[in-house]
Amino acid sequence: MSFWDSSFLWLEAVIASTALAAVCAVVGVYTILRRVVFLPAALSQISGFGVTLAFVIVAWFPALAHSSFGSPELIVAVVTLGAALLLGWMPEPRRLSREAIIGIAYVTASALVIIIGDRIPQETHDIKNILFGNAVAVEQSQMIVALVVSVVVLLVHLLMFRPFLLASFDADTARAHGVPVRAVDAVLFLTLGLTISTATKTIGAMPVFAFSVLPAAAALKLCGDIRLVFISAALIGAASAFLGYWASFVWSFPTGASTVVMAVMFLLAAEVISRTRARFVDQSALLRGVASPPTD
């Protein structure tokens, strides 16, 4: 059976993954501009911790299994959004850099996932899927949630495009122009937390980090116009997710790893194009200089 003939098996998963990859790439541009590249990695691990915590809560308190308080989605959202505000919105520490704090959060969350996962061995397979991404099959309800979150986040970023950019490039200038930087930062990091919490539970922590960094890095190498950077990042993220699923189906590779490798290949291609273009521009400038007559 060919890839397209078996679309009934992967349609929901591919739609959810491409949508989430695109929105992860968009918010990922800001993590590079703000030099907090490892924030998505920390948040994805924290989101994985939220999932394992949800398993433990339901195991310890079975009565919560059928209530909204025991919902994995709610627990993951609360944990990840809180962490996004804390890590992204906090002022620069005096003795430790922000990157150091983010690294500590990443390591701590990773350790807690392993420790808590060891206490719920019946869910070990699910936890591995969350951490490494093996979303071969996605339920229709998950796909709908992924699409709704993607549309909402993209609309927020479209409406607040200018304030987000001003606060990310030069916070002091933004304040001088009357931009409420702290409030803008809060909205930005809340959208980041919402995106990562949704994506982690759907496609896994490793692909989420890749989609939050690699497509944005590739787009920044390819495009000079910041608007084109966001559009290109979204397209590269979506293409990486789709082609990764295709490669996973054709060659029986792990799904999450396949999508990550595709994103890496796009980044390598962008690097080659960027270097080739720069060399061509340098050679053109040299030829123009040789051709131009000397001036007194």
Protein backbone atom coordinates (compact mmCIF):
# COMPACT_ATOMS: atom_id res chain seq x y z
CA MET A 1 0.00 0.00 0.00
CA SER A 2 1.43 3.37 -1.03
CA PHE A 3 1.74 6.42 1.20
CA TRP A 4 -1.22 8.19 -0.37
CA ASP A 5 -3.42 5.08 -0.45
CA SER A 6 -2.99 4.72 3.31
CA SER A 7 -3.92 8.33 4.07
CA PHE A 8 -6.73 7.12 6.33
CA LEU A 9 -3.97 5.95 8.73
CA TRP A 10 -1.90 9.12 8.91
CA LEU A 11 -4.16 12.01 7.84
CA GLU A 12 -4.96 13.33 11.34
CA ALA A 13 -1.36 12.93 12.49
CA VAL A 14 0.09 14.74 9.48
CA ILE A 15 -2.40 17.60 9.67
CA ALA A 16 -1.76 18.09 13.38
CA SER A 17 2.01 17.83 13.02
CA THR A 18 2.31 20.21 10.06
CA ALA A 19 0.14 22.81 11.78
CA LEU A 20 2.07 22.57 15.05
CA ALA A 21 5.43 22.54 13.26
CA ALA A 22 4.50 25.75 11.43
CA VAL A 23 3.44 27.59 14.57
CA CYS A 24 6.46 26.29 16.53
CA ALA A 25 8.67 27.71 13.78
CA VAL A 26 6.95 31.10 13.99
CA VAL A 27 7.34 31.46 17.75
CA GLY A 28 10.82 30.00 17.41
CA VAL A 29 11.98 33.05 15.47
CA TYR A 30 11.55 35.11 18.63
CA THR A 31 13.57 32.67 20.73
CA ILE A 32 16.50 33.17 18.33
CA LEU A 33 16.06 36.95 18.20
CA ARG A 34 15.98 37.09 22.00
CA ARG A 35 18.90 34.64 22.36
CA VAL A 36 16.92 32.15 24.44
CA VAL A 37 17.27 29.24 22.00
CA PHE A 38 17.12 26.60 24.71
CA LEU A 39 13.87 27.94 26.16
CA PRO A 40 11.74 25.73 23.86
CA ALA A 41 13.82 22.70 24.90
CA ALA A 42 13.27 23.47 28.57
CA LEU A 43 9.56 24.10 28.06
CA SER A 44 9.14 20.90 26.05
CA GLN A 45 10.77 18.90 28.83
CA ILE A 46 8.66 20.71 31.41
CA SER A 47 5.61 19.88 29.32
CA GLY A 48 6.71 16.23 29.33
CA PHE A 49 7.01 16.49 33.09
CA GLY A 50 3.45 17.81 33.16
CA VAL A 51 2.25 14.76 31.22
CA THR A 52 3.98 12.32 33.58
CA LEU A 53 2.63 14.30 36.52
CA ALA A 54 -0.87 13.89 35.10
CA PHE A 55 -0.36 10.11 34.94
CA VAL A 56 0.78 10.05 38.57
CA ILE A 57 -2.10 12.20 39.79
CA VAL A 58 -4.65 9.93 38.10
CA ALA A 59 -2.87 6.82 39.46
CA TRP A 60 -2.82 8.18 43.00
CA PHE A 61 -6.28 9.70 42.89
CA PRO A 62 -8.44 7.53 40.58
CA ALA A 63 -11.49 9.68 41.31
CA LEU A 64 -9.88 12.51 39.33
CA ALA A 65 -9.68 10.37 36.20
CA HIS A 66 -13.17 11.41 35.13
CA SER A 67 -12.95 15.04 36.24
CA SER A 68 -11.47 18.09 34.52
CA PHE A 69 -8.88 18.46 37.31
CA GLY A 70 -7.29 15.17 36.26
CA SER A 71 -7.20 16.09 32.58
CA PRO A 72 -3.66 15.73 31.17
CA GLU A 73 -4.31 18.66 28.85
CA LEU A 74 -5.17 20.96 31.75
CA ILE A 75 -2.21 19.88 33.87
CA VAL A 76 0.24 20.18 30.98
CA ALA A 77 -1.12 23.62 30.05
CA VAL A 78 -0.90 24.96 33.61
CA VAL A 79 2.62 23.63 34.19
CA THR A 80 4.00 24.78 30.82
CA LEU A 81 2.33 28.21 30.77
CA GLY A 82 3.55 28.89 34.29
CA ALA A 83 7.08 27.86 33.36
CA ALA A 84 6.97 29.97 30.18
CA LEU A 85 6.06 33.08 32.16
CA LEU A 86 8.62 32.35 34.87
CA LEU A 87 11.54 31.60 32.55
CA GLY A 88 10.81 34.06 29.80
CA TRP A 89 9.34 36.98 31.70
CA MET A 90 11.74 37.10 34.62
CA PRO A 91 14.40 39.86 34.70
CA GLU A 92 17.99 38.94 33.94
CA PRO A 93 19.48 37.29 37.09
CA ARG A 94 22.45 39.06 38.68
CA ARG A 95 24.72 36.08 39.35
CA LEU A 96 23.45 33.55 36.82
CA SER A 97 22.64 34.17 33.18
CA ARG A 98 19.16 33.52 31.85
CA GLU A 99 20.56 30.66 29.76
CA ALA A 100 21.94 29.05 32.92
CA ILE A 101 18.52 29.20 34.59
CA ILE A 102 16.91 27.72 31.48
CA GLY A 103 19.52 24.94 31.45
CA ILE A 104 18.83 24.15 35.08
CA ALA A 105 15.11 23.97 34.36
CA TYR A 106 15.75 21.66 31.40
CA VAL A 107 17.92 19.23 33.38
CA THR A 108 15.57 19.25 36.36
CA ALA A 109 12.50 18.57 34.23
CA SER A 110 14.29 15.78 32.37
CA ALA A 111 15.30 14.11 35.62
CA LEU A 112 11.81 14.40 37.06
CA VAL A 113 10.31 12.82 33.94
CA ILE A 114 12.59 9.80 34.38
CA ILE A 115 11.97 9.51 38.12
CA ILE A 116 8.21 9.88 37.87
CA GLY A 117 8.04 7.66 34.79
CA ASP A 118 9.78 4.92 36.75
CA ARG A 119 6.85 4.94 39.19
CA ILE A 120 4.28 4.31 36.46
CA PRO A 121 5.79 1.47 34.41
CA GLN A 122 2.48 0.68 32.75
CA GLU A 123 2.76 4.03 30.93
CA THR A 124 6.45 3.81 30.00
CA HIS A 125 5.67 3.44 26.29
CA ASP A 126 3.48 6.56 26.32
CA ILE A 127 6.15 8.56 28.12
CA LYS A 128 8.82 7.53 25.59
CA ASN A 129 6.52 8.64 22.79
CA ILE A 130 6.08 12.01 24.47
CA LEU A 131 9.81 12.52 24.94
CA PHE A 132 11.02 11.34 21.54
CA GLY A 133 7.96 11.81 19.34
CA ASN A 134 6.25 8.82 17.81
CA ALA A 135 2.91 10.31 16.91
CA VAL A 136 2.08 7.69 14.31
CA ALA A 137 -1.60 8.00 15.06
CA VAL A 138 -3.34 11.14 16.34
CA GLU A 139 -6.94 11.13 17.43
CA GLN A 140 -9.34 13.45 15.66
CA SER A 141 -9.91 15.40 18.87
CA GLN A 142 -6.14 15.98 19.20
CA MET A 143 -5.99 17.16 15.61
CA ILE A 144 -8.81 19.65 16.22
CA VAL A 145 -7.09 20.98 19.35
CA ALA A 146 -3.82 21.31 17.43
CA LEU A 147 -5.52 23.24 14.62
CA VAL A 148 -7.41 25.54 17.00
CA VAL A 149 -4.28 26.33 19.02
CA SER A 150 -2.26 26.92 15.85
CA VAL A 151 -4.85 29.33 14.42
CA VAL A 152 -5.23 31.22 17.72
CA VAL A 153 -1.47 31.60 18.22
CA LEU A 154 -0.89 32.71 14.63
CA LEU A 155 -3.70 35.26 14.88
CA VAL A 156 -2.23 36.68 18.09
CA HIS A 157 1.19 36.96 16.45
CA LEU A 158 -0.31 38.57 13.37
CA LEU A 159 -2.20 41.15 15.43
CA MET A 160 0.79 41.89 17.69
CA PHE A 161 3.50 41.59 15.06
CA ARG A 162 4.92 45.08 15.52
CA PRO A 163 4.88 45.13 19.37
CA PHE A 164 6.47 41.67 19.50
CA LEU A 165 9.26 42.78 17.16
CA LEU A 166 9.89 46.07 18.97
CA ALA A 167 10.06 44.35 22.35
CA SER A 168 12.36 41.64 20.96
CA PHE A 169 14.83 43.87 19.08
CA ASP A 170 15.11 46.84 21.44
CA ALA A 171 13.05 46.90 24.63
CA ASP A 172 14.28 50.40 25.62
CA THR A 173 13.20 51.92 22.30
CA ALA A 174 9.89 50.10 22.55
CA ARG A 175 9.28 51.63 25.98
CA ALA A 176 10.16 55.06 24.62
CA HIS A 177 7.44 54.60 22.00
CA GLY A 178 4.89 53.71 24.66
CA VAL A 179 4.90 49.94 24.16
CA PRO A 180 4.05 48.09 27.41
CA VAL A 181 7.03 45.74 27.11
CA ARG A 182 6.27 43.62 30.17
CA ALA A 183 2.70 42.98 29.03
CA VAL A 184 3.84 42.26 25.47
CA ASP A 185 6.46 39.83 26.76
CA ALA A 186 3.84 38.10 28.88
CA VAL A 187 1.59 37.55 25.84
CA LEU A 188 4.53 36.37 23.72
CA PHE A 189 5.72 33.81 26.25
CA LEU A 190 2.17 32.64 26.95
CA THR A 191 1.75 31.87 23.24
CA LEU A 192 5.09 30.05 23.34
CA GLY A 193 3.99 28.00 26.35
CA LEU A 194 0.59 27.21 24.82
CA THR A 195 2.19 26.11 21.56
CA ILE A 196 4.79 23.88 23.21
CA SER A 197 2.38 22.32 25.70
CA THR A 198 0.03 21.36 22.87
CA ALA A 199 2.76 20.20 20.53
CA THR A 200 4.65 18.15 23.11
CA LYS A 201 1.65 16.05 23.96
CA THR A 202 0.93 15.50 20.26
CA ILE A 203 4.31 14.98 18.58
CA GLY A 204 6.85 14.72 21.42
CA ALA A 205 9.46 16.90 23.11
CA MET A 206 12.36 16.28 20.72
CA PRO A 207 10.49 17.29 17.52
CA VAL A 208 9.03 20.33 19.30
CA PHE A 209 12.50 21.65 20.14
CA ALA A 210 13.67 20.98 16.59
CA PHE A 211 10.69 22.76 15.02
CA SER A 212 11.16 25.71 17.40
CA VAL A 213 14.78 26.29 16.36
CA LEU A 214 15.81 24.72 13.03
CA PRO A 215 13.19 26.22 10.64
CA ALA A 216 13.64 29.66 12.20
CA ALA A 217 17.42 29.42 11.86
CA ALA A 218 17.08 28.35 8.23
CA ALA A 219 14.67 31.19 7.46
CA LEU A 220 16.97 33.77 9.04
CA LYS A 221 19.80 32.57 6.80
CA LEU A 222 17.66 32.74 3.67
CA CYS A 223 15.66 35.94 4.10
CA GLY A 224 16.57 39.55 4.80
CA ASP A 225 13.00 40.81 5.20
CA ILE A 226 11.71 39.93 8.67
CA ARG A 227 8.21 39.26 7.32
CA LEU A 228 9.60 36.73 4.88
CA VAL A 229 11.53 35.16 7.75
CA PHE A 230 8.32 34.26 9.58
CA ILE A 231 6.60 33.02 6.42
CA SER A 232 9.61 30.95 5.38
CA ALA A 233 10.02 29.50 8.88
CA ALA A 234 6.39 28.37 8.92
CA LEU A 235 6.68 26.78 5.47
CA ILE A 236 9.95 25.02 6.34
CA GLY A 237 8.47 23.71 9.59
CA ALA A 238 5.36 22.38 7.88
CA ALA A 239 7.41 20.81 5.06
CA SER A 240 9.76 19.17 7.57
CA ALA A 241 6.84 17.61 9.41
CA PHE A 242 5.16 16.34 6.26
CA LEU A 243 8.32 14.97 4.64
CA GLY A 244 9.35 13.43 7.94
CA TYR A 245 6.09 11.49 8.10
CA TRP A 246 6.54 10.44 4.49
CA ALA A 247 10.06 9.16 5.15
CA SER A 248 8.88 7.43 8.30
CA PHE A 249 6.17 5.62 6.35
CA VAL A 250 8.33 4.68 3.37
CA TRP A 251 11.43 3.52 5.24
CA SER A 252 9.88 2.60 8.62
CA PHE A 253 11.91 5.18 10.53
CA PRO A 254 10.82 6.51 13.94
CA THR A 255 8.44 9.36 13.19
CA GLY A 256 9.86 12.00 15.53
CA ALA A 257 13.46 11.41 14.49
CA SER A 258 12.49 11.54 10.80
CA THR A 259 10.89 14.95 11.14
CA VAL A 260 13.91 16.28 13.02
CA VAL A 261 16.32 15.03 10.33
CA MET A 262 14.20 16.70 7.65
CA ALA A 263 14.41 19.99 9.54
CA VAL A 264 18.19 19.59 9.79
CA MET A 265 18.39 18.99 6.04
CA PHE A 266 16.47 22.21 5.38
CA LEU A 267 18.91 24.07 7.65
CA LEU A 268 21.92 22.59 5.84
CA ALA A 269 20.40 23.55 2.49
CA ALA A 270 19.80 27.10 3.76
CA GLU A 271 23.43 27.28 4.92
CA VAL A 272 24.69 26.20 1.49
CA ILE A 273 22.41 28.70 -0.28
CA SER A 274 23.43 31.49 2.09
CA ARG A 275 27.15 30.86 1.62
CA THR A 276 26.80 30.53 -2.16
CA ARG A 277 24.81 33.75 -2.36
CA ALA A 278 27.33 35.60 -0.18
CA ARG A 279 30.22 34.39 -2.34
CA PHE A 280 28.39 35.44 -5.50
CA VAL A 281 27.71 38.90 -4.06
CA ASP A 282 31.36 39.29 -3.04
CA GLN A 283 32.56 38.27 -6.50
CA SER A 284 30.09 40.65 -8.16
CA ALA A 285 31.30 43.51 -5.97
CA LEU A 286 34.91 42.67 -6.79
CA LEU A 287 34.17 42.63 -10.53
CA ARG A 288 32.39 45.97 -10.29
CA GLY A 289 35.38 47.40 -8.46
CA VAL A 290 37.77 46.16 -11.13
CA ALA A 291 35.57 47.45 -13.94
CA SER A 292 35.11 50.90 -12.40
CA PRO A 293 37.72 53.48 -13.46
CA PRO A 294 39.80 55.00 -10.68
CA THR A 295 38.73 58.43 -9.45
CA ASP A 296 40.93 61.24 -8.39
